[in-house]
């Protein structure tokens, strides 16, 4: 499994539209083959910082996700509304078990 996780901070004036864009991105991404989950959460003490958490079955599924039109639209949107860069990392998970 591949996990993508990190943060992105949105300019305050763009918060409402960013939430709507995130909702569309989540729905489109979760409909993709190989997407186990795609979540974007608002930080509880800084609503302009979003936490991104994605789970993908394979590296290929993630690669195909990056080729989709909704990913291109979302990336273009983020380039306009981010305050600073994003801190996103990719993890390759060998095993998963309940805590």
N, C-alpha and C. Protein backbone atom coordinates (compact mmCIF):
# COMPACT_ATOMS: atom_id res chain seq x y z
N UNK A 1 0.85 -1.17 0.00
CA UNK A 1 0.00 0.00 0.00
C UNK A 1 0.89 1.23 0.00
N UNK A 2 0.43 2.27 -0.67
CA UNK A 2 1.10 3.55 -0.69
C UNK A 2 0.24 4.55 0.10
N UNK A 3 0.88 5.29 1.00
CA UNK A 3 0.20 6.33 1.76
C UNK A 3 0.83 7.66 1.39
N UNK A 4 -0.01 8.64 1.14
CA UNK A 4 0.43 10.01 0.89
C UNK A 4 -0.14 10.85 2.03
N UNK A 5 0.71 11.61 2.71
CA UNK A 5 0.25 12.41 3.84
C UNK A 5 1.04 13.70 3.92
N UNK A 6 0.35 14.74 4.38
CA UNK A 6 1.03 16.01 4.55
C UNK A 6 0.07 17.15 4.81
N UNK A 7 0.60 18.35 4.71
CA UNK A 7 -0.19 19.54 4.98
C UNK A 7 -0.05 20.57 3.86
N UNK A 8 -1.07 21.40 3.77
CA UNK A 8 -1.08 22.53 2.84
C UNK A 8 -1.83 23.66 3.53
N UNK A 9 -1.30 24.87 3.46
CA UNK A 9 -1.96 26.02 4.06
C UNK A 9 -2.53 26.90 2.96
N UNK A 10 -3.81 27.21 3.11
CA UNK A 10 -4.56 27.98 2.13
C UNK A 10 -4.62 29.44 2.57
N UNK A 11 -4.55 30.35 1.62
CA UNK A 11 -4.72 31.77 1.93
C UNK A 11 -6.11 31.97 2.56
N UNK A 12 -6.19 32.74 3.63
CA UNK A 12 -7.47 32.90 4.34
C UNK A 12 -8.64 33.30 3.45
N UNK A 13 -8.42 34.16 2.49
CA UNK A 13 -9.53 34.62 1.64
C UNK A 13 -10.11 33.51 0.77
N UNK A 14 -9.35 32.41 0.60
CA UNK A 14 -9.77 31.32 -0.29
C UNK A 14 -10.32 30.11 0.45
N UNK A 15 -10.52 30.23 1.75
CA UNK A 15 -10.91 29.07 2.55
C UNK A 15 -12.20 28.39 2.05
N UNK A 16 -13.27 29.13 1.89
CA UNK A 16 -14.56 28.52 1.52
C UNK A 16 -14.47 27.79 0.17
N UNK A 17 -13.87 28.44 -0.81
CA UNK A 17 -13.73 27.80 -2.12
C UNK A 17 -12.79 26.59 -2.03
N UNK A 18 -11.77 26.67 -1.20
CA UNK A 18 -10.83 25.55 -1.04
C UNK A 18 -11.55 24.32 -0.48
N UNK A 19 -12.46 24.53 0.46
CA UNK A 19 -13.23 23.42 1.01
C UNK A 19 -14.07 22.78 -0.09
N UNK A 20 -14.74 23.60 -0.90
CA UNK A 20 -15.56 23.08 -2.00
C UNK A 20 -14.70 22.33 -3.02
N UNK A 21 -13.54 22.86 -3.35
CA UNK A 21 -12.62 22.19 -4.28
C UNK A 21 -12.16 20.85 -3.69
N UNK A 22 -11.86 20.84 -2.39
CA UNK A 22 -11.41 19.61 -1.74
C UNK A 22 -12.51 18.55 -1.77
N UNK A 23 -13.75 18.96 -1.54
CA UNK A 23 -14.86 18.00 -1.58
C UNK A 23 -14.99 17.37 -2.96
N UNK A 24 -14.84 18.15 -4.01
CA UNK A 24 -14.90 17.60 -5.37
C UNK A 24 -13.73 16.65 -5.63
N UNK A 25 -12.55 17.05 -5.15
CA UNK A 25 -11.36 16.22 -5.35
C UNK A 25 -11.50 14.88 -4.63
N UNK A 26 -12.02 14.91 -3.42
CA UNK A 26 -12.21 13.68 -2.65
C UNK A 26 -13.16 12.73 -3.39
N UNK A 27 -14.29 13.24 -3.82
CA UNK A 27 -15.28 12.40 -4.51
C UNK A 27 -14.70 11.79 -5.79
N UNK A 28 -14.02 12.60 -6.58
CA UNK A 28 -13.46 12.11 -7.84
C UNK A 28 -12.34 11.09 -7.58
N UNK A 29 -11.50 11.36 -6.61
CA UNK A 29 -10.37 10.46 -6.33
C UNK A 29 -10.83 9.14 -5.76
N UNK A 30 -11.82 9.17 -4.86
CA UNK A 30 -12.29 7.92 -4.27
C UNK A 30 -13.03 7.04 -5.27
N UNK A 31 -13.42 7.60 -6.41
CA UNK A 31 -14.05 6.81 -7.47
C UNK A 31 -13.01 6.11 -8.35
N UNK A 32 -11.76 6.44 -8.18
CA UNK A 32 -10.69 5.85 -8.99
C UNK A 32 -10.38 4.42 -8.55
N UNK A 33 -10.05 3.59 -9.52
CA UNK A 33 -9.59 2.24 -9.22
C UNK A 33 -8.28 2.33 -8.45
N UNK A 34 -8.19 1.60 -7.36
CA UNK A 34 -6.96 1.57 -6.58
C UNK A 34 -6.89 2.57 -5.44
N UNK A 35 -7.88 3.45 -5.34
CA UNK A 35 -7.92 4.40 -4.23
C UNK A 35 -8.64 3.74 -3.06
N UNK A 36 -7.94 3.57 -1.95
CA UNK A 36 -8.53 2.98 -0.75
C UNK A 36 -9.21 4.05 0.10
N UNK A 37 -8.61 5.22 0.16
CA UNK A 37 -9.22 6.37 0.83
C UNK A 37 -8.50 7.64 0.40
N UNK A 38 -9.24 8.72 0.42
CA UNK A 38 -8.70 10.03 0.04
C UNK A 38 -9.39 11.04 0.94
N UNK A 39 -8.65 11.61 1.87
CA UNK A 39 -9.24 12.50 2.86
C UNK A 39 -8.45 13.81 2.93
N UNK A 40 -9.19 14.88 3.14
CA UNK A 40 -8.60 16.19 3.41
C UNK A 40 -9.34 16.73 4.63
N UNK A 41 -8.58 17.00 5.69
CA UNK A 41 -9.15 17.47 6.94
C UNK A 41 -8.67 18.89 7.23
N UNK A 42 -9.47 19.63 7.94
CA UNK A 42 -9.09 20.97 8.38
C UNK A 42 -8.44 20.85 9.75
N UNK A 43 -7.29 21.49 9.93
CA UNK A 43 -6.59 21.48 11.20
C UNK A 43 -7.49 22.09 12.29
N UNK A 44 -7.58 21.47 13.47
CA UNK A 44 -8.54 21.95 14.49
C UNK A 44 -8.22 23.32 15.09
N UNK A 45 -6.96 23.76 15.04
CA UNK A 45 -6.64 25.07 15.61
C UNK A 45 -6.22 26.10 14.57
N UNK A 46 -6.11 25.67 13.32
CA UNK A 46 -5.76 26.59 12.23
C UNK A 46 -6.53 26.16 10.99
N UNK A 47 -7.71 26.69 10.81
CA UNK A 47 -8.59 26.22 9.75
C UNK A 47 -8.04 26.45 8.35
N UNK A 48 -6.97 27.19 8.22
CA UNK A 48 -6.39 27.42 6.90
C UNK A 48 -5.35 26.35 6.53
N UNK A 49 -5.03 25.48 7.48
CA UNK A 49 -4.11 24.38 7.21
C UNK A 49 -4.92 23.11 7.03
N UNK A 50 -4.74 22.50 5.89
CA UNK A 50 -5.43 21.25 5.56
C UNK A 50 -4.44 20.09 5.71
N UNK A 51 -4.94 18.99 6.24
CA UNK A 51 -4.16 17.76 6.34
C UNK A 51 -4.68 16.81 5.27
N UNK A 52 -3.77 16.33 4.44
CA UNK A 52 -4.12 15.42 3.34
C UNK A 52 -3.66 14.02 3.71
N UNK A 53 -4.55 13.04 3.55
CA UNK A 53 -4.20 11.65 3.84
C UNK A 53 -4.85 10.76 2.79
N UNK A 54 -4.01 10.06 2.03
CA UNK A 54 -4.48 9.20 0.95
C UNK A 54 -3.90 7.79 1.13
N UNK A 55 -4.69 6.77 0.75
CA UNK A 55 -4.22 5.39 0.74
C UNK A 55 -4.50 4.82 -0.65
N UNK A 56 -3.48 4.23 -1.26
CA UNK A 56 -3.56 3.67 -2.61
C UNK A 56 -3.11 2.22 -2.58
N UNK A 57 -3.78 1.38 -3.36
CA UNK A 57 -3.42 -0.04 -3.40
C UNK A 57 -2.00 -0.25 -3.92
N UNK A 58 -1.63 0.49 -4.97
CA UNK A 58 -0.33 0.27 -5.62
C UNK A 58 0.27 1.60 -6.08
N UNK A 59 1.54 1.54 -6.38
CA UNK A 59 2.25 2.68 -6.97
C UNK A 59 1.62 3.06 -8.31
N UNK A 60 1.22 2.06 -9.08
CA UNK A 60 0.59 2.31 -10.39
C UNK A 60 -0.72 3.08 -10.23
N UNK A 61 -1.52 2.72 -9.24
CA UNK A 61 -2.78 3.44 -9.01
C UNK A 61 -2.52 4.90 -8.68
N UNK A 62 -1.50 5.15 -7.87
CA UNK A 62 -1.15 6.53 -7.54
C UNK A 62 -0.66 7.27 -8.78
N UNK A 63 0.17 6.62 -9.58
CA UNK A 63 0.66 7.23 -10.82
C UNK A 63 -0.51 7.60 -11.74
N UNK A 64 -1.46 6.70 -11.90
CA UNK A 64 -2.62 6.98 -12.75
C UNK A 64 -3.46 8.12 -12.18
N UNK A 65 -3.53 8.21 -10.86
CA UNK A 65 -4.24 9.32 -10.21
C UNK A 65 -3.63 10.66 -10.64
N UNK A 66 -2.31 10.72 -10.68
CA UNK A 66 -1.64 11.96 -11.06
C UNK A 66 -1.91 12.35 -12.51
N UNK A 67 -2.39 11.42 -13.32
CA UNK A 67 -2.68 11.69 -14.73
C UNK A 67 -4.12 12.14 -14.97
N UNK A 68 -4.97 12.11 -13.95
CA UNK A 68 -6.39 12.41 -14.14
C UNK A 68 -6.63 13.91 -14.33
N UNK A 69 -7.74 14.21 -14.98
CA UNK A 69 -8.11 15.61 -15.19
C UNK A 69 -8.43 16.30 -13.86
N UNK A 70 -9.10 15.60 -12.93
CA UNK A 70 -9.43 16.26 -11.66
C UNK A 70 -8.18 16.58 -10.85
N UNK A 71 -7.14 15.76 -10.98
CA UNK A 71 -5.88 16.07 -10.29
C UNK A 71 -5.23 17.30 -10.91
N UNK A 72 -5.27 17.40 -12.23
CA UNK A 72 -4.70 18.57 -12.90
C UNK A 72 -5.44 19.83 -12.48
N UNK A 73 -6.77 19.79 -12.47
CA UNK A 73 -7.58 20.95 -12.08
C UNK A 73 -7.28 21.34 -10.63
N UNK A 74 -7.22 20.35 -9.74
CA UNK A 74 -6.96 20.63 -8.32
C UNK A 74 -5.56 21.19 -8.11
N UNK A 75 -4.57 20.64 -8.79
CA UNK A 75 -3.19 21.13 -8.68
C UNK A 75 -3.08 22.57 -9.16
N UNK A 76 -3.73 22.87 -10.28
CA UNK A 76 -3.73 24.24 -10.80
C UNK A 76 -4.39 25.19 -9.80
N UNK A 77 -5.48 24.74 -9.21
CA UNK A 77 -6.18 25.55 -8.22
C UNK A 77 -5.27 25.82 -7.02
N UNK A 78 -4.65 24.77 -6.50
CA UNK A 78 -3.79 24.93 -5.32
C UNK A 78 -2.63 25.88 -5.59
N UNK A 79 -2.09 25.85 -6.79
CA UNK A 79 -0.98 26.74 -7.12
C UNK A 79 -1.37 28.21 -6.93
N UNK A 80 -2.64 28.52 -7.07
CA UNK A 80 -3.12 29.90 -6.92
C UNK A 80 -3.46 30.27 -5.48
N UNK A 81 -3.81 29.30 -4.66
CA UNK A 81 -4.35 29.64 -3.33
C UNK A 81 -3.48 29.20 -2.15
N UNK A 82 -2.40 28.52 -2.42
CA UNK A 82 -1.54 28.10 -1.30
C UNK A 82 -0.78 29.27 -0.70
N UNK A 83 -0.66 29.25 0.59
CA UNK A 83 0.17 30.20 1.30
C UNK A 83 1.44 29.45 1.68
N UNK A 84 2.47 29.64 0.91
CA UNK A 84 3.68 28.84 1.09
C UNK A 84 3.52 27.52 0.35
N UNK A 85 4.48 26.65 0.51
CA UNK A 85 4.43 25.37 -0.19
C UNK A 85 3.64 24.33 0.57
N UNK A 86 3.61 23.16 -0.01
CA UNK A 86 2.96 22.01 0.63
C UNK A 86 4.06 21.13 1.23
N UNK A 87 3.72 20.44 2.28
CA UNK A 87 4.62 19.47 2.90
C UNK A 87 3.94 18.11 2.76
N UNK A 88 4.22 17.42 1.65
CA UNK A 88 3.56 16.15 1.34
C UNK A 88 4.64 15.08 1.19
N UNK A 89 4.37 13.92 1.79
CA UNK A 89 5.31 12.80 1.68
C UNK A 89 4.58 11.55 1.22
N UNK A 90 5.31 10.66 0.59
CA UNK A 90 4.80 9.37 0.12
C UNK A 90 5.46 8.29 0.95
N UNK A 91 4.65 7.34 1.43
CA UNK A 91 5.14 6.24 2.26
C UNK A 91 4.75 4.93 1.62
N UNK A 92 5.66 3.98 1.61
CA UNK A 92 5.35 2.63 1.18
C UNK A 92 5.15 1.79 2.43
N UNK A 93 3.94 1.25 2.59
CA UNK A 93 3.57 0.53 3.80
C UNK A 93 3.65 -0.97 3.54
N UNK A 94 4.39 -1.67 4.35
CA UNK A 94 4.56 -3.12 4.19
C UNK A 94 3.50 -3.92 4.93
N UNK A 95 2.99 -3.39 6.04
CA UNK A 95 2.00 -4.11 6.83
C UNK A 95 1.10 -3.12 7.55
N UNK A 96 -0.13 -3.52 7.78
CA UNK A 96 -1.11 -2.72 8.51
C UNK A 96 -1.81 -3.62 9.51
N UNK A 97 -1.94 -3.13 10.74
CA UNK A 97 -2.62 -3.90 11.79
C UNK A 97 -3.29 -2.93 12.75
N UNK A 98 -4.39 -3.35 13.36
CA UNK A 98 -5.03 -2.47 14.35
C UNK A 98 -4.13 -2.24 15.55
N UNK A 99 -4.32 -1.12 16.19
CA UNK A 99 -3.56 -0.80 17.42
C UNK A 99 -4.26 -1.34 18.63
